[in-house]
Structure formats: C-alpha cells, structure tokens
Amino acid sequence: LGSHRARCVSAELLARYDLILTMEAGQAEALRIEFPGEARKVQLFSVAAGSGGDVADPIGQPPEVYQALAAEIEALIAQGFDRLCQLALTCGSAAG
C-alpha cells in the first residue's frame, strides 16, 4: 500500500473494473449519480459481502481503531468472499 495514491474518479477509471466497492452508502450513491453508465458495478462493500451498513472511516483515530476496522474488513471479506467473487463476475459479464 505504500505506493497507493488517491486519484480522481473518472468514467475511464471506473470502466477498467468489474466491481467497484465503496465503504459508505453515500459514496456509492454519488458514484451511481455521477457515472450512471457504471452504476451497475457500484456496490456498498458490506452489503456486497452479505452484511450491511457503512464501514466507518477511522481517520484521526488511535491505532486500536484502525486495527479493529482491519479485523472488521477481514471478517467481511472472509464471510462474503464467494458472494464478492460472484458479483465481480456478474457485473463484469454485464459490461460486454
């Protein structure tokens, strides 16, 4: 992750991916409104993993909060891995 950098979202960027996961419902809604051609690929991460609700942004919190959030994300991935893979296949195949 050391080389990861934030970048502006564009239709071209979103078109490269089969599944776009957001951490907050407001993010998903904003992407669907701004990029309606990619809306079918935008999913709330927790819902896509079979749970529900926003994943809290830990910015400015102590390391323990980041560690707890990492554990929550790992659990969501483990719980919803098959569903996430199926969504990626379904959304990707709908593109072409």
PDB file of N, CA and C in Angstrom:
ATOM      1  N   LEU A   1       0.803  -1.197   0.000  1.00  0.00           N
ATOM      2  CA  LEU A   1       0.000   0.000   0.000  1.00  0.00           C
ATOM      3  C   LEU A   1       0.845   1.260   0.000  1.00  0.00           C
ATOM      4  N   GLY A   2       2.123   1.119   0.234  1.00  0.00           N
ATOM      5  CA  GLY A   2       2.988   2.280   0.304  1.00  0.00           C
ATOM      6  C   GLY A   2       2.997   3.109  -0.960  1.00  0.00           C
ATOM      7  N   SER A   3       2.773   2.489  -2.088  1.00  0.00           N
ATOM      8  CA  SER A   3       2.766   3.226  -3.356  1.00  0.00           C
ATOM      9  C   SER A   3       1.367   3.687  -3.764  1.00  0.00           C
ATOM     10  N   HIS A   4       0.349   3.320  -2.983  1.00  0.00           N
ATOM     11  CA  HIS A   4      -1.024   3.709  -3.308  1.00  0.00           C
ATOM     12  C   HIS A   4      -1.207   5.209  -3.123  1.00  0.00           C
ATOM     13  N   ARG A   5      -1.858   5.834  -4.078  1.00  0.00           N
ATOM     14  CA  ARG A   5      -2.168   7.261  -4.001  1.00  0.00           C
ATOM     15  C   ARG A   5      -3.621   7.470  -4.417  1.00  0.00           C
ATOM     16  N   ALA A   6      -4.263   8.396  -3.750  1.00  0.00           N
ATOM     17  CA  ALA A   6      -5.632   8.757  -4.125  1.00  0.00           C
ATOM     18  C   ALA A   6      -5.603   9.370  -5.519  1.00  0.00           C
ATOM     19  N   ARG A   7      -6.650   9.165  -6.260  1.00  0.00           N
ATOM     20  CA  ARG A   7      -6.780   9.780  -7.575  1.00  0.00           C
ATOM     21  C   ARG A   7      -8.229  10.147  -7.821  1.00  0.00           C
ATOM     22  N   CYS A   8      -8.419  11.056  -8.732  1.00  0.00           N
ATOM     23  CA  CYS A   8      -9.776  11.491  -9.075  1.00  0.00           C
ATOM     24  C   CYS A   8     -10.510  10.368  -9.784  1.00  0.00           C
ATOM     25  N   VAL A   9     -11.769  10.234  -9.474  1.00  0.00           N
ATOM     26  CA  VAL A   9     -12.602   9.230 -10.122  1.00  0.00           C
ATOM     27  C   VAL A   9     -13.058   9.769 -11.469  1.00  0.00           C
ATOM     28  N   SER A  10     -13.005   8.910 -12.467  1.00  0.00           N
ATOM     29  CA  SER A  10     -13.469   9.272 -13.803  1.00  0.00           C
ATOM     30  C   SER A  10     -14.192   8.070 -14.404  1.00  0.00           C
ATOM     31  N   ALA A  11     -14.963   8.314 -15.439  1.00  0.00           N
ATOM     32  CA  ALA A  11     -15.641   7.214 -16.127  1.00  0.00           C
ATOM     33  C   ALA A  11     -14.617   6.229 -16.682  1.00  0.00           C
ATOM     34  N   GLU A  12     -13.499   6.745 -17.166  1.00  0.00           N
ATOM     35  CA  GLU A  12     -12.454   5.876 -17.714  1.00  0.00           C
ATOM     36  C   GLU A  12     -11.868   4.969 -16.635  1.00  0.00           C
ATOM     37  N   LEU A  13     -11.638   5.521 -15.459  1.00  0.00           N
ATOM     38  CA  LEU A  13     -11.120   4.728 -14.348  1.00  0.00           C
ATOM     39  C   LEU A  13     -12.115   3.645 -13.959  1.00  0.00           C
ATOM     40  N   LEU A  14     -13.367   4.003 -13.778  1.00  0.00           N
ATOM     41  CA  LEU A  14     -14.380   3.032 -13.372  1.00  0.00           C
ATOM     42  C   LEU A  14     -14.596   1.954 -14.426  1.00  0.00           C
ATOM     43  N   ALA A  15     -14.451   2.321 -15.694  1.00  0.00           N
ATOM     44  CA  ALA A  15     -14.654   1.358 -16.780  1.00  0.00           C
ATOM     45  C   ALA A  15     -13.639   0.221 -16.742  1.00  0.00           C
ATOM     46  N   ARG A  16     -12.512   0.434 -16.100  1.00  0.00           N
ATOM     47  CA  ARG A  16     -11.462  -0.594 -16.030  1.00  0.00           C
ATOM     48  C   ARG A  16     -11.808  -1.752 -15.099  1.00  0.00           C
ATOM     49  N   TYR A  17     -12.789  -1.565 -14.237  1.00  0.00           N
ATOM     50  CA  TYR A  17     -13.057  -2.543 -13.181  1.00  0.00           C
ATOM     51  C   TYR A  17     -14.426  -3.186 -13.338  1.00  0.00           C
ATOM     52  N   ASP A  18     -14.497  -4.461 -12.918  1.00  0.00           N
ATOM     53  CA  ASP A  18     -15.755  -5.203 -12.984  1.00  0.00           C
ATOM     54  C   ASP A  18     -16.651  -4.934 -11.793  1.00  0.00           C
ATOM     55  N   LEU A  19     -16.063  -4.578 -10.672  1.00  0.00           N
ATOM     56  CA  LEU A  19     -16.819  -4.345  -9.440  1.00  0.00           C
ATOM     57  C   LEU A  19     -16.166  -3.189  -8.694  1.00  0.00           C
ATOM     58  N   ILE A  20     -16.966  -2.227  -8.289  1.00  0.00           N
ATOM     59  CA  ILE A  20     -16.488  -1.059  -7.555  1.00  0.00           C
ATOM     60  C   ILE A  20     -17.144  -1.086  -6.181  1.00  0.00           C
ATOM     61  N   LEU A  21     -16.335  -1.224  -5.139  1.00  0.00           N
ATOM     62  CA  LEU A  21     -16.840  -1.314  -3.777  1.00  0.00           C
ATOM     63  C   LEU A  21     -16.572  -0.007  -3.045  1.00  0.00           C
ATOM     64  N   THR A  22     -17.588   0.477  -2.339  1.00  0.00           N
ATOM     65  CA  THR A  22     -17.430   1.674  -1.524  1.00  0.00           C
ATOM     66  C   THR A  22     -17.628   1.301  -0.064  1.00  0.00           C
ATOM     67  N   MET A  23     -17.095   2.131   0.800  1.00  0.00           N
ATOM     68  CA  MET A  23     -17.211   1.870   2.231  1.00  0.00           C
ATOM     69  C   MET A  23     -18.452   2.518   2.830  1.00  0.00           C
ATOM     70  N   GLU A  24     -18.976   3.532   2.172  1.00  0.00           N
ATOM     71  CA  GLU A  24     -20.138   4.244   2.699  1.00  0.00           C
ATOM     72  C   GLU A  24     -21.221   4.342   1.624  1.00  0.00           C
ATOM     73  N   ALA A  25     -22.472   4.249   2.055  1.00  0.00           N
ATOM     74  CA  ALA A  25     -23.604   4.303   1.127  1.00  0.00           C
ATOM     75  C   ALA A  25     -23.610   5.606   0.331  1.00  0.00           C
ATOM     76  N   GLY A  26     -23.233   6.701   0.966  1.00  0.00           N
ATOM     77  CA  GLY A  26     -23.197   7.985   0.269  1.00  0.00           C
ATOM     78  C   GLY A  26     -22.202   7.999  -0.874  1.00  0.00           C
ATOM     79  N   GLN A  27     -21.090   7.282  -0.708  1.00  0.00           N
ATOM     80  CA  GLN A  27     -20.104   7.180  -1.781  1.00  0.00           C
ATOM     81  C   GLN A  27     -20.682   6.409  -2.964  1.00  0.00           C
ATOM     82  N   ALA A  28     -21.366   5.311  -2.674  1.00  0.00           N
ATOM     83  CA  ALA A  28     -21.970   4.512  -3.738  1.00  0.00           C
ATOM     84  C   ALA A  28     -23.022   5.328  -4.482  1.00  0.00           C
ATOM     85  N   GLU A  29     -23.846   6.028  -3.744  1.00  0.00           N
ATOM     86  CA  GLU A  29     -24.891   6.851  -4.353  1.00  0.00           C
ATOM     87  C   GLU A  29     -24.279   7.937  -5.238  1.00  0.00           C
ATOM     88  N   ALA A  30     -23.241   8.595  -4.745  1.00  0.00           N
ATOM     89  CA  ALA A  30     -22.593   9.658  -5.518  1.00  0.00           C
ATOM     90  C   ALA A  30     -22.000   9.113  -6.819  1.00  0.00           C
ATOM     91  N   LEU A  31     -21.362   7.948  -6.757  1.00  0.00           N
ATOM     92  CA  LEU A  31     -20.791   7.358  -7.972  1.00  0.00           C
ATOM     93  C   LEU A  31     -21.879   6.966  -8.966  1.00  0.00           C
ATOM     94  N   ARG A  32     -22.967   6.393  -8.464  1.00  0.00           N
ATOM     95  CA  ARG A  32     -24.058   5.993  -9.363  1.00  0.00           C
ATOM     96  C   ARG A  32     -24.693   7.197 -10.050  1.00  0.00           C
ATOM     97  N   ILE A  33     -24.801   8.300  -9.333  1.00  0.00           N
ATOM     98  CA  ILE A  33     -25.395   9.515  -9.912  1.00  0.00           C
ATOM     99  C   ILE A  33     -24.441  10.151 -10.916  1.00  0.00           C
ATOM    100  N   GLU A  34     -23.168  10.257 -10.548  1.00  0.00           N
ATOM    101  CA  GLU A  34     -22.213  10.936 -11.411  1.00  0.00           C
ATOM    102  C   GLU A  34     -21.813  10.102 -12.626  1.00  0.00           C
ATOM    103  N   PHE A  35     -21.834   8.771 -12.475  1.00  0.00           N
ATOM    104  CA  PHE A  35     -21.414   7.880 -13.554  1.00  0.00           C
ATOM    105  C   PHE A  35     -22.482   6.813 -13.795  1.00  0.00           C
ATOM    106  N   PRO A  36     -23.637   7.209 -14.324  1.00  0.00           N
ATOM    107  CA  PRO A  36     -24.739   6.245 -14.478  1.00  0.00           C
ATOM    108  C   PRO A  36     -24.390   5.056 -15.373  1.00  0.00           C
ATOM    109  N   GLY A  37     -23.458   5.222 -16.285  1.00  0.00           N
ATOM    110  CA  GLY A  37     -23.050   4.113 -17.143  1.00  0.00           C
ATOM    111  C   GLY A  37     -22.313   3.018 -16.396  1.00  0.00           C
ATOM    112  N   GLU A  38     -21.808   3.324 -15.231  1.00  0.00           N
ATOM    113  CA  GLU A  38     -21.076   2.352 -14.413  1.00  0.00           C
ATOM    114  C   GLU A  38     -21.859   1.966 -13.156  1.00  0.00           C
ATOM    115  N   ALA A  39     -23.070   2.462 -13.010  1.00  0.00           N
ATOM    116  CA  ALA A  39     -23.848   2.292 -11.772  1.00  0.00           C
ATOM    117  C   ALA A  39     -24.050   0.836 -11.393  1.00  0.00           C
ATOM    118  N   ARG A  40     -24.228  -0.047 -12.352  1.00  0.00           N
ATOM    119  CA  ARG A  40     -24.484  -1.462 -12.043  1.00  0.00           C
ATOM    120  C   ARG A  40     -23.307  -2.121 -11.337  1.00  0.00           C
ATOM    121  N   LYS A  41     -22.118  -1.549 -11.497  1.00  0.00           N
ATOM    122  CA  LYS A  41     -20.917  -2.136 -10.901  1.00  0.00           C
ATOM    123  C   LYS A  41     -20.627  -1.609  -9.499  1.00  0.00           C
ATOM    124  N   VAL A  42     -21.327  -0.571  -9.073  1.00  0.00           N
ATOM    125  CA  VAL A  42     -21.054   0.078  -7.790  1.00  0.00           C
ATOM    126  C   VAL A  42     -21.867  -0.600  -6.690  1.00  0.00           C
ATOM    127  N   GLN A  43     -21.161  -1.072  -5.668  1.00  0.00           N
ATOM    128  CA  GLN A  43     -21.807  -1.769  -4.557  1.00  0.00           C
ATOM    129  C   GLN A  43     -21.235  -1.266  -3.241  1.00  0.00           C
ATOM    130  N   LEU A  44     -22.053  -1.229  -2.224  1.00  0.00           N
ATOM    131  CA  LEU A  44     -21.581  -0.965  -0.872  1.00  0.00           C
ATOM    132  C   LEU A  44     -20.870  -2.234  -0.394  1.00  0.00           C
ATOM    133  N   PHE A  45     -19.624  -2.103   0.010  1.00  0.00           N
ATOM    134  CA  PHE A  45     -18.793  -3.250   0.369  1.00  0.00           C
ATOM    135  C   PHE A  45     -19.472  -4.194   1.350  1.00  0.00           C
ATOM    136  N   SER A  46     -20.008  -3.672   2.439  1.00  0.00           N
ATOM    137  CA  SER A  46     -20.598  -4.545   3.460  1.00  0.00           C
ATOM    138  C   SER A  46     -21.824  -5.283   2.930  1.00  0.00           C
ATOM    139  N   VAL A  47     -22.626  -4.631   2.113  1.00  0.00           N
ATOM    140  CA  VAL A  47     -23.804  -5.275   1.528  1.00  0.00           C
ATOM    141  C   VAL A  47     -23.362  -6.341   0.525  1.00  0.00           C
ATOM    142  N   ALA A  48     -22.374  -6.008  -0.286  1.00  0.00           N
ATOM    143  CA  ALA A  48     -21.859  -6.973  -1.260  1.00  0.00           C
ATOM    144  C   ALA A  48     -21.302  -8.206  -0.562  1.00  0.00           C
ATOM    145  N   ALA A  49     -20.767  -8.021   0.633  1.00  0.00           N
ATOM    146  CA  ALA A  49     -20.210  -9.136   1.395  1.00  0.00           C
ATOM    147  C   ALA A  49     -21.281  -9.897   2.171  1.00  0.00           C
ATOM    148  N   GLY A  50     -22.532  -9.431   2.096  1.00  0.00           N
ATOM    149  CA  GLY A  50     -23.629 -10.141   2.738  1.00  0.00           C
ATOM    150  C   GLY A  50     -23.993  -9.625   4.112  1.00  0.00           C
ATOM    151  N   SER A  51     -23.507  -8.465   4.465  1.00  0.00           N
ATOM    152  CA  SER A  51     -23.814  -7.866   5.760  1.00  0.00           C
ATOM    153  C   SER A  51     -24.625  -6.604   5.496  1.00  0.00           C
ATOM    154  N   GLY A  52     -24.256  -5.495   6.077  1.00  0.00           N
ATOM    155  CA  GLY A  52     -24.955  -4.249   5.805  1.00  0.00           C
ATOM    156  C   GLY A  52     -24.370  -3.094   6.596  1.00  0.00           C
ATOM    157  N   GLY A  53     -24.570  -1.916   6.097  1.00  0.00           N
ATOM    158  CA  GLY A  53     -24.132  -0.715   6.785  1.00  0.00           C
ATOM    159  C   GLY A  53     -22.796  -0.193   6.304  1.00  0.00           C
ATOM    160  N   ASP A  54     -22.515   1.034   6.694  1.00  0.00           N
ATOM    161  CA  ASP A  54     -21.268   1.683   6.326  1.00  0.00           C
ATOM    162  C   ASP A  54     -20.102   1.102   7.121  1.00  0.00           C
ATOM    163  N   VAL A  55     -18.932   1.165   6.533  1.00  0.00           N
ATOM    164  CA  VAL A  55     -17.696   0.856   7.233  1.00  0.00           C
ATOM    165  C   VAL A  55     -17.123   2.200   7.649  1.00  0.00           C
ATOM    166  N   ALA A  56     -16.968   2.394   8.946  1.00  0.00           N
ATOM    167  CA  ALA A  56     -16.566   3.691   9.482  1.00  0.00           C
ATOM    168  C   ALA A  56     -15.177   4.100   9.004  1.00  0.00           C
ATOM    169  N   ASP A  57     -15.002   5.397   8.764  1.00  0.00           N
ATOM    170  CA  ASP A  57     -13.704   5.944   8.397  1.00  0.00           C
ATOM    171  C   ASP A  57     -12.939   6.232   9.688  1.00  0.00           C
ATOM    172  N   PRO A  58     -11.779   5.608   9.883  1.00  0.00           N
ATOM    173  CA  PRO A  58     -11.069   5.763  11.147  1.00  0.00           C
ATOM    174  C   PRO A  58     -10.121   6.967  11.199  1.00  0.00           C
ATOM    175  N   ILE A  59     -10.144   7.812  10.198  1.00  0.00           N
ATOM    176  CA  ILE A  59      -9.161   8.894  10.127  1.00  0.00           C
ATOM    177  C   ILE A  59      -9.109   9.688  11.429  1.00  0.00           C
ATOM    178  N   GLY A  60      -7.887   9.891  11.894  1.00  0.00           N
ATOM    179  CA  GLY A  60      -7.680  10.658  13.117  1.00  0.00           C
ATOM    180  C   GLY A  60      -7.851   9.874  14.404  1.00  0.00           C
ATOM    181  N   GLN A  61      -8.210   8.612  14.286  1.00  0.00           N
ATOM    182  CA  GLN A  61      -8.427   7.782  15.473  1.00  0.00           C
ATOM    183  C   GLN A  61      -7.118   7.099  15.888  1.00  0.00           C
ATOM    184  N   PRO A  62      -7.064   6.589  17.112  1.00  0.00           N
ATOM    185  CA  PRO A  62      -5.857   5.888  17.568  1.00  0.00           C
ATOM    186  C   PRO A  62      -5.667   4.563  16.822  1.00  0.00           C
ATOM    187  N   PRO A  63      -4.453   4.020  16.867  1.00  0.00           N
ATOM    188  CA  PRO A  63      -4.149   2.776  16.146  1.00  0.00           C
ATOM    189  C   PRO A  63      -5.098   1.623  16.456  1.00  0.00           C
ATOM    190  N   GLU A  64      -5.621   1.564  17.674  1.00  0.00           N
ATOM    191  CA  GLU A  64      -6.529   0.469  18.027  1.00  0.00           C
ATOM    192  C   GLU A  64      -7.794   0.485  17.178  1.00  0.00           C
ATOM    193  N   VAL A  65      -8.247   1.673  16.817  1.00  0.00           N
ATOM    194  CA  VAL A  65      -9.445   1.792  15.987  1.00  0.00           C
ATOM    195  C   VAL A  65      -9.140   1.256  14.589  1.00  0.00           C
ATOM    196  N   TYR A  66      -7.971   1.586  14.058  1.00  0.00           N
ATOM    197  CA  TYR A  66      -7.560   1.069  12.754  1.00  0.00           C
ATOM    198  C   TYR A  66      -7.452  -0.450  12.785  1.00  0.00           C
ATOM    199  N   GLN A  67      -6.906  -0.982  13.867  1.00  0.00           N
ATOM    200  CA  GLN A  67      -6.768  -2.430  13.993  1.00  0.00           C
ATOM    201  C   GLN A  67      -8.131  -3.109  14.065  1.00  0.00           C
ATOM    202  N   ALA A  68      -9.051  -2.518  14.803  1.00  0.00           N
ATOM    203  CA  ALA A  68     -10.404  -3.089  14.894  1.00  0.00           C
ATOM    204  C   ALA A  68     -11.099  -3.030  13.542  1.00  0.00           C
ATOM    205  N   LEU A  69     -10.917  -1.936  12.819  1.00  0.00           N
ATOM    206  CA  LEU A  69     -11.526  -1.806  11.497  1.00  0.00           C
ATOM    207  C   LEU A  69     -10.925  -2.815  10.523  1.00  0.00           C
ATOM    208  N   ALA A  70      -9.610  -3.013  10.596  1.00  0.00           N
ATOM    209  CA  ALA A  70      -8.968  -4.016   9.741  1.00  0.00           C
ATOM    210  C   ALA A  70      -9.544  -5.396  10.012  1.00  0.00           C
ATOM    211  N   ALA A  71      -9.767  -5.718  11.276  1.00  0.00           N
ATOM    212  CA  ALA A  71     -10.361  -7.009  11.635  1.00  0.00           C
ATOM    213  C   ALA A  71     -11.784  -7.115  11.091  1.00  0.00           C
ATOM    214  N   GLU A  72     -12.548  -6.011  11.165  1.00  0.00           N
ATOM    215  CA  GLU A  72     -13.916  -5.998  10.634  1.00  0.00           C
ATOM    216  C   GLU A  72     -13.910  -6.228   9.121  1.00  0.00           C
ATOM    217  N   ILE A  73     -13.004  -5.574   8.429  1.00  0.00           N
ATOM    218  CA  ILE A  73     -12.915  -5.723   6.969  1.00  0.00           C
ATOM    219  C   ILE A  73     -12.493  -7.149   6.613  1.00  0.00           C
ATOM    220  N   GLU A  74     -11.515  -7.686   7.332  1.00  0.00           N
ATOM    221  CA  GLU A  74     -11.099  -9.067   7.089  1.00  0.00           C
ATOM    222  C   GLU A  74     -12.264 -10.037   7.286  1.00  0.00           C
ATOM    223  N   ALA A  75     -13.049  -9.821   8.336  1.00  0.00           N
ATOM    224  CA  ALA A  75     -14.202 -10.691   8.603  1.00  0.00           C
ATOM    225  C   ALA A  75     -15.237 -10.578   7.489  1.00  0.00           C
ATOM    226  N   LEU A  76     -15.475  -9.363   7.007  1.00  0.00           N
ATOM    227  CA  LEU A  76     -16.425  -9.178   5.905  1.00  0.00           C
ATOM    228  C   LEU A  76     -15.948  -9.889   4.644  1.00  0.00           C
ATOM    229  N   ILE A  77     -14.652  -9.792   4.367  1.00  0.00           N
ATOM    230  CA  ILE A  77     -14.108 -10.470   3.188  1.00  0.00           C
ATOM    231  C   ILE A  77     -14.248 -11.977   3.332  1.00  0.00           C
ATOM    232  N   ALA A  78     -13.883 -12.495   4.497  1.00  0.00           N
ATOM    233  CA  ALA A  78     -13.993 -13.939   4.712  1.00  0.00           C
ATOM    234  C   ALA A  78     -15.439 -14.404   4.606  1.00  0.00           C
ATOM    235  N   GLN A  79     -16.342 -13.658   5.204  1.00  0.00           N
ATOM    236  CA  GLN A  79     -17.769 -14.009   5.202  1.00  0.00           C
ATOM    237  C   GLN A  79     -18.350 -13.940   3.801  1.00  0.00           C
ATOM    238  N   GLY A  80     -17.936 -12.943   3.035  1.00  0.00           N
ATOM    239  CA  GLY A  80     -18.581 -12.703   1.750  1.00  0.00           C
ATOM    240  C   GLY A  80     -17.742 -12.981   0.533  1.00  0.00           C
ATOM    241  N   PHE A  81     -16.619 -13.707   0.691  1.00  0.00           N
ATOM    242  CA  PHE A  81     -15.698 -13.896  -0.429  1.00  0.00           C
ATOM    243  C   PHE A  81     -16.385 -14.471  -1.660  1.00  0.00           C
ATOM    244  N   ASP A  82     -17.116 -15.552  -1.497  1.00  0.00           N
ATOM    245  CA  ASP A  82     -17.780 -16.178  -2.652  1.00  0.00           C
ATOM    246  C   ASP A  82     -18.776 -15.218  -3.295  1.00  0.00           C
ATOM    247  N   ARG A  83     -19.524 -14.510  -2.466  1.00  0.00           N
ATOM    248  CA  ARG A  83     -20.505 -13.550  -2.986  1.00  0.00           C
ATOM    249  C   ARG A  83     -19.808 -12.407  -3.720  1.00  0.00           C
ATOM    250  N   LEU A  84     -18.710 -11.901  -3.177  1.00  0.00           N
ATOM    251  CA  LEU A  84     -17.964 -10.827  -3.834  1.00  0.00           C
ATOM    252  C   LEU A  84     -17.427 -11.288  -5.181  1.00  0.00           C
ATOM    253  N   CYS A  85     -16.892 -12.504  -5.234  1.00  0.00           N
ATOM    254  CA  CYS A  85     -16.385 -13.046  -6.500  1.00  0.00           C
ATOM    255  C   CYS A  85     -17.510 -13.183  -7.515  1.00  0.00           C
ATOM    256  N   GLN A  86     -18.661 -13.681  -7.081  1.00  0.00           N
ATOM    257  CA  GLN A  86     -19.805 -13.838  -7.983  1.00  0.00           C
ATOM    258  C   GLN A  86     -20.281 -12.482  -8.502  1.00  0.00           C
ATOM    259  N   LEU A  87     -20.324 -11.491  -7.624  1.00  0.00           N
ATOM    260  CA  LEU A  87     -20.709 -10.139  -8.060  1.00  0.00           C
ATOM    261  C   LEU A  87     -19.749  -9.598  -9.101  1.00  0.00           C
ATOM    262  N   ALA A  88     -18.455  -9.791  -8.893  1.00  0.00           N
ATOM    263  CA  ALA A  88     -17.457  -9.313  -9.852  1.00  0.00           C
ATOM    264  C   ALA A  88     -17.677  -9.984 -11.208  1.00  0.00           C
ATOM    265  N   LEU A  89     -17.947 -11.273 -11.201  1.00  0.00           N
ATOM    266  CA  LEU A  89     -18.202 -11.986 -12.452  1.00  0.00           C
ATOM    267  C   LEU A  89     -19.481 -11.501 -13.121  1.00  0.00           C
ATOM    268  N   THR A  90     -20.521 -11.337 -12.318  1.00  0.00           N
ATOM    269  CA  THR A  90     -21.824 -10.902 -12.841  1.00  0.00           C
ATOM    270  C   THR A  90     -21.755  -9.495 -13.390  1.00  0.00           C
ATOM    271  N   CYS A  91     -21.188  -8.583 -12.627  1.00  0.00           N
ATOM    272  CA  CYS A  91     -21.087  -7.194 -13.069  1.00  0.00           C
ATOM    273  C   CYS A  91     -20.179  -7.073 -14.287  1.00  0.00           C
ATOM    274  N   GLY A  92     -19.073  -7.815 -14.280  1.00  0.00           N
ATOM    275  CA  GLY A  92     -18.138  -7.770 -15.399  1.00  0.00           C
ATOM    276  C   GLY A  92     -18.731  -8.332 -16.671  1.00  0.00           C
ATOM    277  N   SER A  93     -19.496  -9.431 -16.554  1.00  0.00           N
ATOM    278  CA  SER A  93     -20.094 -10.008 -17.749  1.00  0.00           C
ATOM    279  C   SER A  93     -21.225  -9.167 -18.297  1.00  0.00           C
ATOM    280  N   ALA A  94     -21.840  -8.345 -17.449  1.00  0.00           N
ATOM    281  CA  ALA A  94     -22.916  -7.464 -17.909  1.00  0.00           C
ATOM    282  C   ALA A  94     -22.362  -6.332 -18.780  1.00  0.00           C
ATOM    283  N   ALA A  95     -21.051  -6.077 -18.653  1.00  0.00           N
ATOM    284  CA  ALA A  95     -20.448  -4.976 -19.411  1.00  0.00           C
ATOM    285  C   ALA A  95     -20.302  -5.315 -20.877  1.00  0.00           C
ATOM    286  N   GLY A  96     -20.086  -6.556 -21.174  1.00  0.00           N
ATOM    287  CA  GLY A  96     -19.789  -6.820 -22.571  1.00  0.00           C
ATOM    288  C   GLY A  96     -20.666  -7.845 -23.145  1.00  0.00           C
TER     289      GLY A  96
END
